[in-house]
PDB file of N, CA and C in Angstrom:
ATOM      1  N   UNK A   1      41.606 115.789 128.473  1.00  0.00           N
ATOM      2  CA  UNK A   1      42.877 115.051 128.394  1.00  0.00           C
ATOM      3  C   UNK A   1      43.747 116.009 129.182  1.00  0.00           C
ATOM      4  N   UNK A   2      43.699 116.956 129.701  1.00  0.00           N
ATOM      5  CA  UNK A   2      44.839 117.927 130.505  1.00  0.00           C
ATOM      6  C   UNK A   2      44.725 117.217 131.593  1.00  0.00           C
ATOM      7  N   UNK A   3      43.694 117.325 131.991  1.00  0.00           N
ATOM      8  CA  UNK A   3      43.028 116.672 133.488  1.00  0.00           C
ATOM      9  C   UNK A   3      43.732 115.203 133.557  1.00  0.00           C
ATOM     10  N   UNK A   4      43.289 114.586 132.762  1.00  0.00           N
ATOM     11  CA  UNK A   4      44.235 113.057 132.848  1.00  0.00           C
ATOM     12  C   UNK A   4      45.315 113.047 132.912  1.00  0.00           C
ATOM     13  N   UNK A   5      45.998 113.916 132.225  1.00  0.00           N
ATOM     14  CA  UNK A   5      47.487 114.235 132.561  1.00  0.00           C
ATOM     15  C   UNK A   5      47.869 114.768 134.117  1.00  0.00           C
ATOM     16  N   UNK A   6      47.338 115.294 134.306  1.00  0.00           N
ATOM     17  CA  UNK A   6      47.810 116.007 135.865  1.00  0.00           C
ATOM     18  C   UNK A   6      47.263 115.027 136.932  1.00  0.00           C
ATOM     19  N   UNK A   7      46.382 114.407 136.413  1.00  0.00           N
ATOM     20  CA  UNK A   7      45.691 113.074 137.693  1.00  0.00           C
ATOM     21  C   UNK A   7      46.915 112.022 137.184  1.00  0.00           C
ATOM     22  N   UNK A   8      47.421 111.736 136.414  1.00  0.00           N
ATOM     23  CA  UNK A   8      48.319 110.875 136.496  1.00  0.00           C
ATOM     24  C   UNK A   8      49.823 111.304 136.976  1.00  0.00           C
ATOM     25  N   UNK A   9      50.103 112.641 136.752  1.00  0.00           N
ATOM     26  CA  UNK A   9      51.454 113.049 136.930  1.00  0.00           C
ATOM     27  C   UNK A   9      51.284 113.281 138.619  1.00  0.00           C
ATOM     28  N   UNK A  10      50.199 113.524 139.274  1.00  0.00           N
ATOM     29  CA  UNK A  10      49.635 113.348 140.635  1.00  0.00           C
ATOM     30  C   UNK A  10      49.806 111.947 141.548  1.00  0.00           C
ATOM     31  N   UNK A  11      49.414 110.858 140.735  1.00  0.00           N
ATOM     32  CA  UNK A  11      49.486 109.391 141.025  1.00  0.00           C
ATOM     33  C   UNK A  11      50.999 108.930 141.163  1.00  0.00           C
ATOM     34  N   UNK A  12      51.643 109.623 140.114  1.00  0.00           N
ATOM     35  CA  UNK A  12      53.318 109.135 140.403  1.00  0.00           C
ATOM     36  C   UNK A  12      54.026 109.964 141.395  1.00  0.00           C
ATOM     37  N   UNK A  13      53.547 110.977 141.538  1.00  0.00           N
ATOM     38  CA  UNK A  13      54.547 112.021 142.743  1.00  0.00           C
ATOM     39  C   UNK A  13      53.928 111.276 143.892  1.00  0.00           C
ATOM     40  N   UNK A  14      52.670 110.599 143.924  1.00  0.00           N
ATOM     41  CA  UNK A  14      52.365 109.791 145.372  1.00  0.00           C
ATOM     42  C   UNK A  14      53.178 108.574 145.347  1.00  0.00           C
ATOM     43  N   UNK A  15      53.839 107.995 144.349  1.00  0.00           N
ATOM     44  CA  UNK A  15      54.438 106.719 144.393  1.00  0.00           C
ATOM     45  C   UNK A  15      55.698 106.767 144.116  1.00  0.00           C
ATOM     46  N   UNK A  16      56.401 107.985 144.182  1.00  0.00           N
ATOM     47  CA  UNK A  16      57.738 108.330 144.006  1.00  0.00           C
ATOM     48  C   UNK A  16      58.569 107.852 145.122  1.00  0.00           C
ATOM     49  N   UNK A  17      58.199 108.072 146.306  1.00  0.00           N
ATOM     50  CA  UNK A  17      59.249 107.499 147.527  1.00  0.00           C
ATOM     51  C   UNK A  17      59.400 106.044 147.331  1.00  0.00           C
ATOM     52  N   UNK A  18      58.232 105.154 146.954  1.00  0.00           N
ATOM     53  CA  UNK A  18      58.077 103.893 147.133  1.00  0.00           C
ATOM     54  C   UNK A  18      58.920 103.364 146.008  1.00  0.00           C
ATOM     55  N   UNK A  19      58.641 103.562 144.744  1.00  0.00           N
ATOM     56  CA  UNK A  19      59.168 103.518 143.517  1.00  0.00           C
ATOM     57  C   UNK A  19      60.969 103.967 143.479  1.00  0.00           C
ATOM     58  N   UNK A  20      60.833 105.157 144.056  1.00  0.00           N
ATOM     59  CA  UNK A  20      62.673 105.333 144.374  1.00  0.00           C
ATOM     60  C   UNK A  20      63.396 104.581 145.262  1.00  0.00           C
ATOM     61  N   UNK A  21      62.606 104.180 146.283  1.00  0.00           N
ATOM     62  CA  UNK A  21      63.368 103.328 146.890  1.00  0.00           C
ATOM     63  C   UNK A  21      63.158 101.923 146.894  1.00  0.00           C
ATOM     64  N   UNK A  22      62.338 101.285 145.758  1.00  0.00           N
ATOM     65  CA  UNK A  22      62.339  99.791 145.231  1.00  0.00           C
ATOM     66  C   UNK A  22      63.527  99.896 144.142  1.00  0.00           C
ATOM     67  N   UNK A  23      63.302 101.004 143.340  1.00  0.00           N
ATOM     68  CA  UNK A  23      64.290 100.869 141.971  1.00  0.00           C
ATOM     69  C   UNK A  23      65.600 101.079 142.226  1.00  0.00           C
ATOM     70  N   UNK A  24      65.790 101.744 143.303  1.00  0.00           N
ATOM     71  CA  UNK A  24      67.200 102.275 143.299  1.00  0.00           C
ATOM     72  C   UNK A  24      67.841 103.307 142.239  1.00  0.00           C
ATOM     73  N   UNK A  25      68.912 102.931 141.888  1.00  0.00           N
ATOM     74  CA  UNK A  25      69.462 103.549 140.692  1.00  0.00           C
ATOM     75  C   UNK A  25      68.887 103.209 139.335  1.00  0.00           C
ATOM     76  N   UNK A  26      68.092 102.665 139.514  1.00  0.00           N
ATOM     77  CA  UNK A  26      67.120 102.376 138.047  1.00  0.00           C
ATOM     78  C   UNK A  26      66.013 103.529 137.948  1.00  0.00           C
ATOM     79  N   UNK A  27      65.799 104.146 139.129  1.00  0.00           N
ATOM     80  CA  UNK A  27      64.715 105.021 139.218  1.00  0.00           C
ATOM     81  C   UNK A  27      65.042 106.604 138.826  1.00  0.00           C
ATOM     82  N   UNK A  28      64.242 106.946 137.536  1.00  0.00           N
ATOM     83  CA  UNK A  28      64.616 108.008 136.624  1.00  0.00           C
ATOM     84  C   UNK A  28      63.324 108.751 136.775  1.00  0.00           C
ATOM     85  N   UNK A  29      62.521 108.931 137.672  1.00  0.00           N
ATOM     86  CA  UNK A  29      61.279 109.667 137.678  1.00  0.00           C
ATOM     87  C   UNK A  29      60.493 109.119 136.125  1.00  0.00           C
ATOM     88  N   UNK A  30      60.135 110.324 135.445  1.00  0.00           N
ATOM     89  CA  UNK A  30      59.376 110.094 134.312  1.00  0.00           C
ATOM     90  C   UNK A  30      60.363 109.401 132.858  1.00  0.00           C
ATOM     91  N   UNK A  31      61.316 109.352 133.239  1.00  0.00           N
ATOM     92  CA  UNK A  31      62.548 108.787 132.254  1.00  0.00           C
ATOM     93  C   UNK A  31      62.921 107.536 132.806  1.00  0.00           C
ATOM     94  N   UNK A  32      62.436 106.764 133.843  1.00  0.00           N
ATOM     95  CA  UNK A  32      62.659 105.358 133.919  1.00  0.00           C
ATOM     96  C   UNK A  32      62.565 104.563 132.913  1.00  0.00           C
ATOM     97  N   UNK A  33      63.392 103.390 132.772  1.00  0.00           N
ATOM     98  CA  UNK A  33      62.907 102.458 131.805  1.00  0.00           C
ATOM     99  C   UNK A  33      62.137 101.470 132.288  1.00  0.00           C
ATOM    100  N   UNK A  34      60.850 101.435 132.125  1.00  0.00           N
ATOM    101  CA  UNK A  34      59.555 100.939 132.441  1.00  0.00           C
ATOM    102  C   UNK A  34      59.574  99.357 131.841  1.00  0.00           C
ATOM    103  N   UNK A  35      60.347  99.238 130.687  1.00  0.00           N
ATOM    104  CA  UNK A  35      60.832  97.676 130.224  1.00  0.00           C
ATOM    105  C   UNK A  35      61.735  97.340 131.168  1.00  0.00           C
ATOM    106  N   UNK A  36      62.809  97.983 131.542  1.00  0.00           N
ATOM    107  CA  UNK A  36      64.129  97.509 132.626  1.00  0.00           C
ATOM    108  C   UNK A  36      62.999  97.305 133.952  1.00  0.00           C
ATOM    109  N   UNK A  37      62.181  97.734 134.293  1.00  0.00           N
ATOM    110  CA  UNK A  37      61.720  97.488 135.525  1.00  0.00           C
ATOM    111  C   UNK A  37      60.826  96.464 135.401  1.00  0.00           C
ATOM    112  N   UNK A  38      59.755  96.137 134.517  1.00  0.00           N
ATOM    113  CA  UNK A  38      59.067  94.956 134.227  1.00  0.00           C
ATOM    114  C   UNK A  38      60.089  93.751 134.212  1.00  0.00           C
ATOM    115  N   UNK A  39      61.230  93.883 133.468  1.00  0.00           N
ATOM    116  CA  UNK A  39      61.754  92.566 133.594  1.00  0.00           C
ATOM    117  C   UNK A  39      62.423  92.358 134.956  1.00  0.00           C
ATOM    118  N   UNK A  40      62.599  93.647 135.830  1.00  0.00           N
ATOM    119  CA  UNK A  40      63.473  93.233 137.219  1.00  0.00           C
ATOM    120  C   UNK A  40      62.384  92.449 137.848  1.00  0.00           C
ATOM    121  N   UNK A  41      61.140  93.052 137.971  1.00  0.00           N
ATOM    122  CA  UNK A  41      59.990  92.561 138.339  1.00  0.00           C
ATOM    123  C   UNK A  41      59.671  91.049 138.125  1.00  0.00           C
ATOM    124  N   UNK A  42      59.896  90.520 136.927  1.00  0.00           N
ATOM    125  CA  UNK A  42      59.957  89.369 136.492  1.00  0.00           C
ATOM    126  C   UNK A  42      60.905  88.302 137.033  1.00  0.00           C
ATOM    127  N   UNK A  43      62.220  89.246 137.246  1.00  0.00           N
ATOM    128  CA  UNK A  43      63.104  88.106 137.506  1.00  0.00           C
ATOM    129  C   UNK A  43      63.099  88.030 139.410  1.00  0.00           C
ATOM    130  N   UNK A  44      62.248  89.293 139.646  1.00  0.00           N
ATOM    131  CA  UNK A  44      62.363  89.079 141.449  1.00  0.00           C
ATOM    132  C   UNK A  44      61.079  87.568 141.437  1.00  0.00           C
ATOM    133  N   UNK A  45      60.065  87.912 140.819  1.00  0.00           N
ATOM    134  CA  UNK A  45      59.335  86.634 140.849  1.00  0.00           C
ATOM    135  C   UNK A  45      59.729  85.260 140.624  1.00  0.00           C
ATOM    136  N   UNK A  46      60.533  85.195 139.590  1.00  0.00           N
ATOM    137  CA  UNK A  46      61.189  83.652 139.380  1.00  0.00           C
ATOM    138  C   UNK A  46      62.312  83.541 140.470  1.00  0.00           C
ATOM    139  N   UNK A  47      62.865  84.407 141.070  1.00  0.00           N
ATOM    140  CA  UNK A  47      64.002  84.453 142.177  1.00  0.00           C
ATOM    141  C   UNK A  47      63.214  84.015 143.586  1.00  0.00           C
ATOM    142  N   UNK A  48      62.177  84.634 143.701  1.00  0.00           N
ATOM    143  CA  UNK A  48      61.344  84.472 144.737  1.00  0.00           C
ATOM    144  C   UNK A  48      60.714  82.939 144.931  1.00  0.00           C
ATOM    145  N   UNK A  49      60.383  82.401 143.770  1.00  0.00           N
ATOM    146  CA  UNK A  49      59.753  81.124 143.631  1.00  0.00           C
ATOM    147  C   UNK A  49      60.728  79.797 143.904  1.00  0.00           C
ATOM    148  N   UNK A  50      61.920  80.273 143.657  1.00  0.00           N
ATOM    149  CA  UNK A  50      63.066  78.978 143.911  1.00  0.00           C
ATOM    150  C   UNK A  50      63.691  78.846 145.120  1.00  0.00           C
ATOM    151  N   UNK A  51      64.253  77.998 145.645  1.00  0.00           N
ATOM    152  CA  UNK A  51      64.539  77.621 146.708  1.00  0.00           C
ATOM    153  C   UNK A  51      65.654  78.648 146.905  1.00  0.00           C
ATOM    154  N   UNK A  52      65.764  79.254 147.947  1.00  0.00           N
ATOM    155  CA  UNK A  52      66.807  80.289 148.732  1.00  0.00           C
ATOM    156  C   UNK A  52      66.679  81.472 147.789  1.00  0.00           C
ATOM    157  N   UNK A  53      64.995  81.717 147.679  1.00  0.00           N
ATOM    158  CA  UNK A  53      64.843  83.145 146.501  1.00  0.00           C
ATOM    159  C   UNK A  53      65.153  84.332 147.555  1.00  0.00           C
ATOM    160  N   UNK A  54      64.653  84.147 148.962  1.00  0.00           N
ATOM    161  CA  UNK A  54      64.904  85.216 149.747  1.00  0.00           C
ATOM    162  C   UNK A  54      66.286  85.837 149.669  1.00  0.00           C
ATOM    163  N   UNK A  55      66.896  84.701 150.113  1.00  0.00           N
ATOM    164  CA  UNK A  55      68.551  85.075 150.125  1.00  0.00           C
ATOM    165  C   UNK A  55      68.711  85.806 149.021  1.00  0.00           C
ATOM    166  N   UNK A  56      68.493  85.207 147.908  1.00  0.00           N
ATOM    167  CA  UNK A  56      69.106  85.673 146.730  1.00  0.00           C
ATOM    168  C   UNK A  56      68.668  86.969 146.267  1.00  0.00           C
ATOM    169  N   UNK A  57      67.374  87.570 146.655  1.00  0.00           N
ATOM    170  CA  UNK A  57      67.450  88.930 146.359  1.00  0.00           C
ATOM    171  C   UNK A  57      67.900  89.751 147.763  1.00  0.00           C
ATOM    172  N   UNK A  58      68.069  89.312 149.073  1.00  0.00           N
ATOM    173  CA  UNK A  58      68.854  90.029 149.644  1.00  0.00           C
ATOM    174  C   UNK A  58      70.462  90.361 148.970  1.00  0.00           C
ATOM    175  N   UNK A  59      70.857  89.460 148.816  1.00  0.00           N
ATOM    176  CA  UNK A  59      72.048  89.321 147.993  1.00  0.00           C
ATOM    177  C   UNK A  59      71.974  90.645 146.686  1.00  0.00           C
ATOM    178  N   UNK A  60      71.582  90.170 145.979  1.00  0.00           N
ATOM    179  CA  UNK A  60      71.149  91.235 145.088  1.00  0.00           C
ATOM    180  C   UNK A  60      70.823  92.763 145.543  1.00  0.00           C
ATOM    181  N   UNK A  61      70.153  92.668 146.299  1.00  0.00           N
ATOM    182  CA  UNK A  61      69.873  94.039 147.128  1.00  0.00           C
ATOM    183  C   UNK A  61      71.143  95.071 147.321  1.00  0.00           C
ATOM    184  N   UNK A  62      72.118  94.245 147.894  1.00  0.00           N
ATOM    185  CA  UNK A  62      73.454  94.775 148.354  1.00  0.00           C
ATOM    186  C   UNK A  62      74.226  95.049 147.155  1.00  0.00           C
ATOM    187  N   UNK A  63      74.063  94.756 146.140  1.00  0.00           N
ATOM    188  CA  UNK A  63      75.393  94.998 144.842  1.00  0.00           C
ATOM    189  C   UNK A  63      74.785  96.020 144.187  1.00  0.00           C
ATOM    190  N   UNK A  64      75.725  96.432 143.093  1.00  0.00           N
ATOM    191  CA  UNK A  64      75.262  97.498 142.252  1.00  0.00           C
ATOM    192  C   UNK A  64      75.226  96.498 140.726  1.00  0.00           C
ATOM    193  N   UNK A  65      75.724  95.457 140.676  1.00  0.00           N
ATOM    194  CA  UNK A  65      75.654  94.893 139.256  1.00  0.00           C
ATOM    195  C   UNK A  65      75.058  93.372 139.354  1.00  0.00           C
ATOM    196  N   UNK A  66      73.611  93.793 139.156  1.00  0.00           N
ATOM    197  CA  UNK A  66      72.878  92.501 138.948  1.00  0.00           C
ATOM    198  C   UNK A  66      72.990  91.488 138.229  1.00  0.00           C
ATOM    199  N   UNK A  67      74.048  91.772 136.906  1.00  0.00           N
ATOM    200  CA  UNK A  67      74.292  90.654 136.176  1.00  0.00           C
ATOM    201  C   UNK A  67      74.510  89.349 136.687  1.00  0.00           C
ATOM    202  N   UNK A  68      75.447  89.249 137.578  1.00  0.00           N
ATOM    203  CA  UNK A  68      75.717  87.804 138.285  1.00  0.00           C
ATOM    204  C   UNK A  68      74.568  87.023 138.772  1.00  0.00           C
ATOM    205  N   UNK A  69      73.800  88.000 139.306  1.00  0.00           N
ATOM    206  CA  UNK A  69      72.430  87.207 139.929  1.00  0.00           C
ATOM    207  C   UNK A  69      71.521  87.110 138.900  1.00  0.00           C
ATOM    208  N   UNK A  70      71.466  87.843 137.766  1.00  0.00           N
ATOM    209  CA  UNK A  70      70.706  87.458 136.883  1.00  0.00           C
ATOM    210  C   UNK A  70      70.702  86.172 136.029  1.00  0.00           C
ATOM    211  N   UNK A  71      72.227  86.096 135.796  1.00  0.00           N
ATOM    212  CA  UNK A  71      72.699  84.708 135.369  1.00  0.00           C
ATOM    213  C   UNK A  71      72.656  83.618 136.055  1.00  0.00           C
ATOM    214  N   UNK A  72      72.528  83.638 137.189  1.00  0.00           N
ATOM    215  CA  UNK A  72      72.763  82.714 138.639  1.00  0.00           C
ATOM    216  C   UNK A  72      70.954  82.477 138.559  1.00  0.00           C
ATOM    217  N   UNK A  73      70.194  83.359 138.380  1.00  0.00           N
ATOM    218  CA  UNK A  73      68.577  82.737 138.310  1.00  0.00           C
ATOM    219  C   UNK A  73      68.320  82.204 137.166  1.00  0.00           C
ATOM    220  N   UNK A  74      68.856  82.767 135.948  1.00  0.00           N
ATOM    221  CA  UNK A  74      68.682  82.134 134.743  1.00  0.00           C
ATOM    222  C   UNK A  74      69.475  80.387 134.856  1.00  0.00           C
ATOM    223  N   UNK A  75      70.370  80.253 135.225  1.00  0.00           N
ATOM    224  CA  UNK A  75      70.906  78.936 135.514  1.00  0.00           C
ATOM    225  C   UNK A  75      70.026  77.926 136.408  1.00  0.00           C
ATOM    226  N   UNK A  76      69.438  79.051 137.684  1.00  0.00           N
ATOM    227  CA  UNK A  76      68.533  78.119 138.728  1.00  0.00           C
ATOM    228  C   UNK A  76      67.335  77.955 138.203  1.00  0.00           C
ATOM    229  N   UNK A  77      66.984  78.381 137.431  1.00  0.00           N
ATOM    230  CA  UNK A  77      65.730  78.302 136.623  1.00  0.00           C
ATOM    231  C   UNK A  77      65.472  76.749 135.747  1.00  0.00           C
ATOM    232  N   UNK A  78      66.711  77.025 134.925  1.00  0.00           N
ATOM    233  CA  UNK A  78      67.312  76.081 134.085  1.00  0.00           C
ATOM    234  C   UNK A  78      67.343  74.695 134.796  1.00  0.00           C
ATOM    235  N   UNK A  79      67.878  74.731 135.851  1.00  0.00           N
ATOM    236  CA  UNK A  79      68.463  73.378 136.774  1.00  0.00           C
ATOM    237  C   UNK A  79      66.945  72.744 137.257  1.00  0.00           C
ATOM    238  N   UNK A  80      66.197  73.850 137.796  1.00  0.00           N
ATOM    239  CA  UNK A  80      64.567  73.560 138.444  1.00  0.00           C
ATOM    240  C   UNK A  80      63.884  72.597 137.266  1.00  0.00           C
ATOM    241  N   UNK A  81      63.941  73.417 136.196  1.00  0.00           N
ATOM    242  CA  UNK A  81      62.884  72.587 135.141  1.00  0.00           C
ATOM    243  C   UNK A  81      63.583  71.511 134.860  1.00  0.00           C
ATOM    244  N   UNK A  82      64.911  71.142 135.020  1.00  0.00           N
ATOM    245  CA  UNK A  82      65.785  69.739 134.690  1.00  0.00           C
ATOM    246  C   UNK A  82      65.215  69.063 135.572  1.00  0.00           C
ATOM    247  N   UNK A  83      65.505  69.209 136.997  1.00  0.00           N
ATOM    248  CA  UNK A  83      64.725  68.364 138.121  1.00  0.00           C
ATOM    249  C   UNK A  83      63.316  68.133 137.878  1.00  0.00           C
ATOM    250  N   UNK A  84      62.572  68.940 137.810  1.00  0.00           N
ATOM    251  CA  UNK A  84      61.197  68.770 137.598  1.00  0.00           C
ATOM    252  C   UNK A  84      60.598  67.646 136.558  1.00  0.00           C
ATOM    253  N   UNK A  85      61.629  67.822 135.455  1.00  0.00           N
ATOM    254  CA  UNK A  85      61.454  66.677 134.224  1.00  0.00           C
ATOM    255  C   UNK A  85      62.059  65.150 134.931  1.00  0.00           C
ATOM    256  N   UNK A  86      63.091  64.939 135.407  1.00  0.00           N
ATOM    257  CA  UNK A  86      63.635  63.978 135.756  1.00  0.00           C
ATOM    258  C   UNK A  86      62.744  63.528 136.682  1.00  0.00           C
ATOM    259  N   UNK A  87      61.951  64.320 137.350  1.00  0.00           N
ATOM    260  CA  UNK A  87      61.188  63.708 138.737  1.00  0.00           C
ATOM    261  C   UNK A  87      60.040  63.071 138.307  1.00  0.00           C
ATOM    262  N   UNK A  88      59.477  63.596 137.173  1.00  0.00           N
ATOM    263  CA  UNK A  88      58.357  63.516 136.009  1.00  0.00           C
ATOM    264  C   UNK A  88      58.618  61.974 135.865  1.00  0.00           C
ATOM    265  N   UNK A  89      59.853  61.800 135.050  1.00  0.00           N
ATOM    266  CA  UNK A  89      60.057  60.619 134.212  1.00  0.00           C
ATOM    267  C   UNK A  89      60.339  59.516 135.118  1.00  0.00           C
ATOM    268  N   UNK A  90      60.717  59.826 136.269  1.00  0.00           N
ATOM    269  CA  UNK A  90      61.131  58.864 137.295  1.00  0.00           C
ATOM    270  C   UNK A  90      59.768  58.107 137.599  1.00  0.00           C
ATOM    271  N   UNK A  91      58.807  59.410 137.730  1.00  0.00           N
ATOM    272  CA  UNK A  91      57.347  58.633 138.633  1.00  0.00           C
ATOM    273  C   UNK A  91      56.730  58.032 137.517  1.00  0.00           C
ATOM    274  N   UNK A  92      56.985  58.151 136.138  1.00  0.00           N
ATOM    275  CA  UNK A  92      56.435  57.359 135.011  1.00  0.00           C
ATOM    276  C   UNK A  92      56.967  55.881 134.650  1.00  0.00           C
ATOM    277  N   UNK A  93      58.229  56.056 134.854  1.00  0.00           N
ATOM    278  CA  UNK A  93      59.144  54.813 135.000  1.00  0.00           C
ATOM    279  C   UNK A  93      58.402  54.041 135.931  1.00  0.00           C
ATOM    280  N   UNK A  94      58.624  54.547 137.243  1.00  0.00           N
ATOM    281  CA  UNK A  94      58.079  53.718 138.183  1.00  0.00           C
ATOM    282  C   UNK A  94      57.164  53.038 138.274  1.00  0.00           C
ATOM    283  N   UNK A  95      55.803  53.963 137.899  1.00  0.00           N
ATOM    284  CA  UNK A  95      54.517  53.188 137.274  1.00  0.00           C
ATOM    285  C   UNK A  95      54.638  52.149 136.451  1.00  0.00           C
ATOM    286  N   UNK A  96      55.485  52.639 135.191  1.00  0.00           N
ATOM    287  CA  UNK A  96      55.485  51.313 134.350  1.00  0.00           C
ATOM    288  C   UNK A  96      55.827  50.051 134.792  1.00  0.00           C
ATOM    289  N   UNK A  97      57.173  50.242 135.598  1.00  0.00           N
ATOM    290  CA  UNK A  97      57.322  49.039 135.968  1.00  0.00           C
ATOM    291  C   UNK A  97      56.639  48.325 137.144  1.00  0.00           C
ATOM    292  N   UNK A  98      55.815  49.046 138.211  1.00  0.00           N
ATOM    293  CA  UNK A  98      54.886  48.793 138.886  1.00  0.00           C
ATOM    294  C   UNK A  98      53.904  47.844 138.071  1.00  0.00           C
ATOM    295  N   UNK A  99      53.312  48.148 136.931  1.00  0.00           N
ATOM    296  CA  UNK A  99      52.448  47.737 135.987  1.00  0.00           C
ATOM    297  C   UNK A  99      52.829  46.420 135.491  1.00  0.00           C
ATOM    298  N   UNK A 100      53.906  46.495 134.772  1.00  0.00           N
ATOM    299  CA  UNK A 100      54.713  45.250 134.261  1.00  0.00           C
ATOM    300  C   UNK A 100      55.012  44.216 135.535  1.00  0.00           C
ATOM    301  N   UNK A 101      55.482  44.539 136.268  1.00  0.00           N
ATOM    302  CA  UNK A 101      55.551  43.398 137.594  1.00  0.00           C
ATOM    303  C   UNK A 101      54.354  43.084 137.844  1.00  0.00           C
ATOM    304  N   UNK A 102      53.665  43.572 138.140  1.00  0.00           N
ATOM    305  CA  UNK A 102      51.793  42.733 138.399  1.00  0.00           C
ATOM    306  C   UNK A 102      51.467  42.282 137.706  1.00  0.00           C
ATOM    307  N   UNK A 103      51.802  42.416 136.178  1.00  0.00           N
ATOM    308  CA  UNK A 103      50.851  41.415 135.013  1.00  0.00           C
ATOM    309  C   UNK A 103      51.274  40.129 135.183  1.00  0.00           C
ATOM    310  N   UNK A 104      52.276  39.595 135.427  1.00  0.00           N
ATOM    311  CA  UNK A 104      52.655  38.014 135.544  1.00  0.00           C
ATOM    312  C   UNK A 104      51.755  37.461 136.626  1.00  0.00           C
ATOM    313  N   UNK A 105      51.554  38.022 137.617  1.00  0.00           N
ATOM    314  CA  UNK A 105      50.813  37.556 138.790  1.00  0.00           C
ATOM    315  C   UNK A 105      49.164  37.890 138.571  1.00  0.00           C
ATOM    316  N   UNK A 106      48.880  38.654 137.559  1.00  0.00           N
ATOM    317  CA  UNK A 106      47.350  38.910 136.971  1.00  0.00           C
ATOM    318  C   UNK A 106      47.239  37.799 135.885  1.00  0.00           C
ATOM    319  N   UNK A 107      48.165  37.454 135.388  1.00  0.00           N
ATOM    320  CA  UNK A 107      47.786  36.490 134.034  1.00  0.00           C
ATOM    321  C   UNK A 107      47.803  35.127 134.655  1.00  0.00           C
ATOM    322  N   UNK A 108      48.858  34.788 135.751  1.00  0.00           N
ATOM    323  CA  UNK A 108      48.716  33.396 136.510  1.00  0.00           C
ATOM    324  C   UNK A 108      47.102  33.368 137.179  1.00  0.00           C
ATOM    325  N   UNK A 109      47.023  34.560 137.735  1.00  0.00           N
ATOM    326  CA  UNK A 109      45.613  34.162 138.428  1.00  0.00           C
ATOM    327  C   UNK A 109      44.510  33.923 137.512  1.00  0.00           C
ATOM    328  N   UNK A 110      44.747  34.756 136.618  1.00  0.00           N
ATOM    329  CA  UNK A 110      43.707  34.623 135.279  1.00  0.00           C
ATOM    330  C   UNK A 110      43.442  33.340 134.696  1.00  0.00           C
ATOM    331  N   UNK A 111      45.004  32.707 134.388  1.00  0.00           N
ATOM    332  CA  UNK A 111      45.007  31.507 133.742  1.00  0.00           C
ATOM    333  C   UNK A 111      44.679  30.391 134.681  1.00  0.00           C
ATOM    334  N   UNK A 112      44.817  30.200 135.863  1.00  0.00           N
ATOM    335  CA  UNK A 112      44.343  29.518 136.959  1.00  0.00           C
ATOM    336  C   UNK A 112      42.776  29.214 136.896  1.00  0.00           C
ATOM    337  N   UNK A 113      42.200  30.469 136.862  1.00  0.00           N
ATOM    338  CA  UNK A 113      40.454  30.606 136.531  1.00  0.00           C
ATOM    339  C   UNK A 113      40.004  29.861 135.221  1.00  0.00           C
ATOM    340  N   UNK A 114      41.116  30.293 134.299  1.00  0.00           N
ATOM    341  CA  UNK A 114      40.276  30.051 133.112  1.00  0.00           C
ATOM    342  C   UNK A 114      40.828  28.424 132.372  1.00  0.00           C
ATOM    343  N   UNK A 115      41.834  27.419 133.369  1.00  0.00           N
ATOM    344  CA  UNK A 115      42.034  26.531 132.584  1.00  0.00           C
ATOM    345  C   UNK A 115      40.790  25.378 133.048  1.00  0.00           C
ATOM    346  N   UNK A 116      40.820  24.554 132.219  1.00  0.00           N
ATOM    347  CA  UNK A 116      39.662  23.428 132.417  1.00  0.00           C
ATOM    348  C   UNK A 116      40.060  22.637 133.700  1.00  0.00           C
ATOM    349  N   UNK A 117      38.877  22.465 134.237  1.00  0.00           N
ATOM    350  CA  UNK A 117      39.106  21.393 135.282  1.00  0.00           C
ATOM    351  C   UNK A 117      39.157  19.937 134.957  1.00  0.00           C
ATOM    352  N   UNK A 118      40.427  19.283 135.113  1.00  0.00           N
ATOM    353  CA  UNK A 118      40.317  17.812 134.866  1.00  0.00           C
ATOM    354  C   UNK A 118      39.971  16.845 136.038  1.00  0.00           C
ATOM    355  N   UNK A 119      39.840  15.498 135.933  1.00  0.00           N
ATOM    356  CA  UNK A 119      39.131  14.949 137.113  1.00  0.00           C
ATOM    357  C   UNK A 119      39.811  14.598 138.306  1.00  0.00           C
ATOM    358  N   UNK A 120      41.159  14.956 137.959  1.00  0.00           N
ATOM    359  CA  UNK A 120      42.102  15.202 139.349  1.00  0.00           C
ATOM    360  C   UNK A 120      42.209  16.482 139.866  1.00  0.00           C
ATOM    361  N   UNK A 121      41.566  17.292 139.417  1.00  0.00           N
ATOM    362  CA  UNK A 121      41.748  18.617 140.368  1.00  0.00           C
ATOM    363  C   UNK A 121      40.356  18.936 140.804  1.00  0.00           C
ATOM    364  N   UNK A 122      40.530  20.054 142.017  1.00  0.00           N
ATOM    365  CA  UNK A 122      39.709  20.310 142.476  1.00  0.00           C
ATOM    366  C   UNK A 122      38.999  21.371 142.178  1.00  0.00           C
TER     367      UNK A 122
END
């Protein structure tokens, strides 16, 4: 068990420069709030997936208070979800209208074929 702890400590020491650079003021070596780090990683993934994500991260990296960016990212995510919902609903409505407008033509074509022929019709 002692060996495992020592190995973990060596692994952390190897990653310290990268973690310190990436986390900035959040970095507190073994006292780092890993819950906050995971939240930051999740926020970063969401921000990068949105339009302008790279710019958002660049601005966020240059500030001390990330609350404004967090709020912006949350609002951006809500807006993106709403836009996706509207796009899907619009697409469904368009398909519905296309099917309904095609039905009279199908009915009249079917009606012409099923009508009994009279002596005067060909």
